[in-house]
Amino acid sequence: MMVLVWIIDLLVIIVQIMGGHRDANPVLRVGLWVSLVCLIAAGITAIGGLLVLLQMWLTSLR
């Protein structure tokens, strides 16, 4: 249960750094934003790939 609290605390700190509410190195802030954009792009790509696989599987059922 404490691990969940630590993860939530870490996420809150990351959001504070990205939002500018906490003083941090600008390189760290830019790196966090770049990693967030890459994570979103990877998620969209994965969802697109799964949709293509689903379409291929559904067309093979005929």
Protein backbone atom coordinates (compact mmCIF):
# COMPACT_ATOMS: atom_id res chain seq x y z
CA MET A 1 0.00 0.00 0.00
CA MET A 2 2.89 2.35 0.71
CA VAL A 3 4.21 1.79 -2.81
CA LEU A 4 1.00 3.29 -4.17
CA VAL A 5 1.48 6.36 -1.96
CA TRP A 6 5.07 6.74 -3.18
CA ILE A 7 3.97 6.49 -6.82
CA ILE A 8 1.28 9.13 -6.27
CA ASP A 9 3.80 11.41 -4.54
CA LEU A 10 6.23 10.98 -7.42
CA LEU A 11 3.53 11.81 -9.97
CA VAL A 12 2.53 14.92 -8.02
CA ILE A 13 6.15 16.10 -7.93
CA ILE A 14 6.53 15.48 -11.68
CA VAL A 15 3.35 17.44 -12.43
CA GLN A 16 4.56 20.29 -10.21
CA ILE A 17 7.90 20.39 -12.04
CA MET A 18 6.24 20.31 -15.45
CA GLY A 19 3.77 23.02 -14.45
CA GLY A 20 6.47 25.32 -13.12
CA HIS A 21 5.24 25.34 -9.51
CA ARG A 22 8.48 23.79 -8.27
CA ASP A 23 11.94 25.12 -9.04
CA ALA A 24 13.85 22.72 -11.25
CA ASN A 25 16.51 22.70 -13.91
CA PRO A 26 15.00 23.82 -17.24
CA VAL A 27 16.64 20.84 -18.95
CA LEU A 28 14.76 18.51 -16.59
CA ARG A 29 11.50 20.31 -17.31
CA VAL A 30 11.98 20.08 -21.09
CA GLY A 31 13.01 16.44 -20.79
CA LEU A 32 9.85 15.62 -18.86
CA TRP A 33 7.71 17.32 -21.51
CA VAL A 34 9.51 15.49 -24.33
CA SER A 35 9.08 12.16 -22.55
CA LEU A 36 5.37 12.88 -22.05
CA VAL A 37 4.90 13.68 -25.75
CA CYS A 38 6.80 10.50 -26.72
CA LEU A 39 4.67 8.44 -24.34
CA ILE A 40 1.47 9.84 -25.84
CA ALA A 41 2.74 9.20 -29.38
CA ALA A 42 3.68 5.62 -28.47
CA GLY A 43 0.25 5.05 -26.96
CA ILE A 44 -1.52 6.37 -30.06
CA THR A 45 0.69 4.19 -32.26
CA ALA A 46 -0.02 1.11 -30.15
CA ILE A 47 -3.77 1.73 -30.28
CA GLY A 48 -3.57 2.20 -34.06
CA GLY A 49 -1.60 -1.02 -34.46
CA LEU A 50 -4.07 -2.94 -32.34
CA LEU A 51 -6.96 -1.56 -34.40
CA VAL A 52 -5.24 -2.72 -37.61
CA LEU A 53 -4.70 -6.18 -36.11
CA LEU A 54 -8.34 -6.27 -35.02
CA GLN A 55 -9.48 -5.34 -38.51
CA MET A 56 -7.27 -8.03 -40.07
CA TRP A 57 -8.58 -10.63 -37.63
CA LEU A 58 -12.22 -9.66 -38.23
CA THR A 59 -11.83 -9.81 -42.02
CA SER A 60 -10.27 -13.27 -41.76
CA LEU A 61 -13.37 -14.61 -39.98
CA ARG A 62 -15.47 -14.50 -43.16
